Amino acid sequence: MRSYSFVLNGKPVTVEAPADMPLLWVLRDMLGVTGPKYGCGVGVCRACTSHLDGAEIQPCVVPVADCADRSVTTIEGLADGDTLHPVQQAWLDCDVAQCGFCQPGQIMAAAALLKKTSEPTDADIDRIENVCRCGTYFRVREAIKKAAADGPAAEH
């Protein structure tokens, strides 16, 4: 096995893993990062959504080898210390979560959207394909719009 080094939530890490091991398993099983959830394993449900060099990814389908010498951010690294990311704060303010399983992925997808588009339209928000089995999509939309109105998204 080969070693792969990358920055995880602002801290350098190195893991020994097969090149084709999905990043999700490296995060959860090797590094103890449990925010990204396993839902489908094929990148469809998006419960694992995280960022790679600031762009949205689904780590269940991204091999660890693709992350070498890059920066990975999960929900655990989105806040700035004790200061929540604007999307996280909006999620609380709008009481988005119901069961909570999809919320880390939903929040990471919303943060990626706001990084690209500071004033998202309904059509922009509709392009977020994260699955919420509880159907909190109306509150997700409300929270994204609140986060956009409340301030600039952090650079993650």
Foldseek 3Di string as FASTA:
>chain_A
DDKAWAAELNRIDIDDDPQQQQPVCCVCVVVPNPQQDDDPLPQQQQLRWWDKQLATDRSSRDGSNVRGHTYIYFLVNQADVPHHWLLVVLCVVLVQDDPCSSVRRLSRLLLSLCQVPLQDDPVSLVPPRHDDPVPSSVSSVVSSNRSSVVDHGDRD
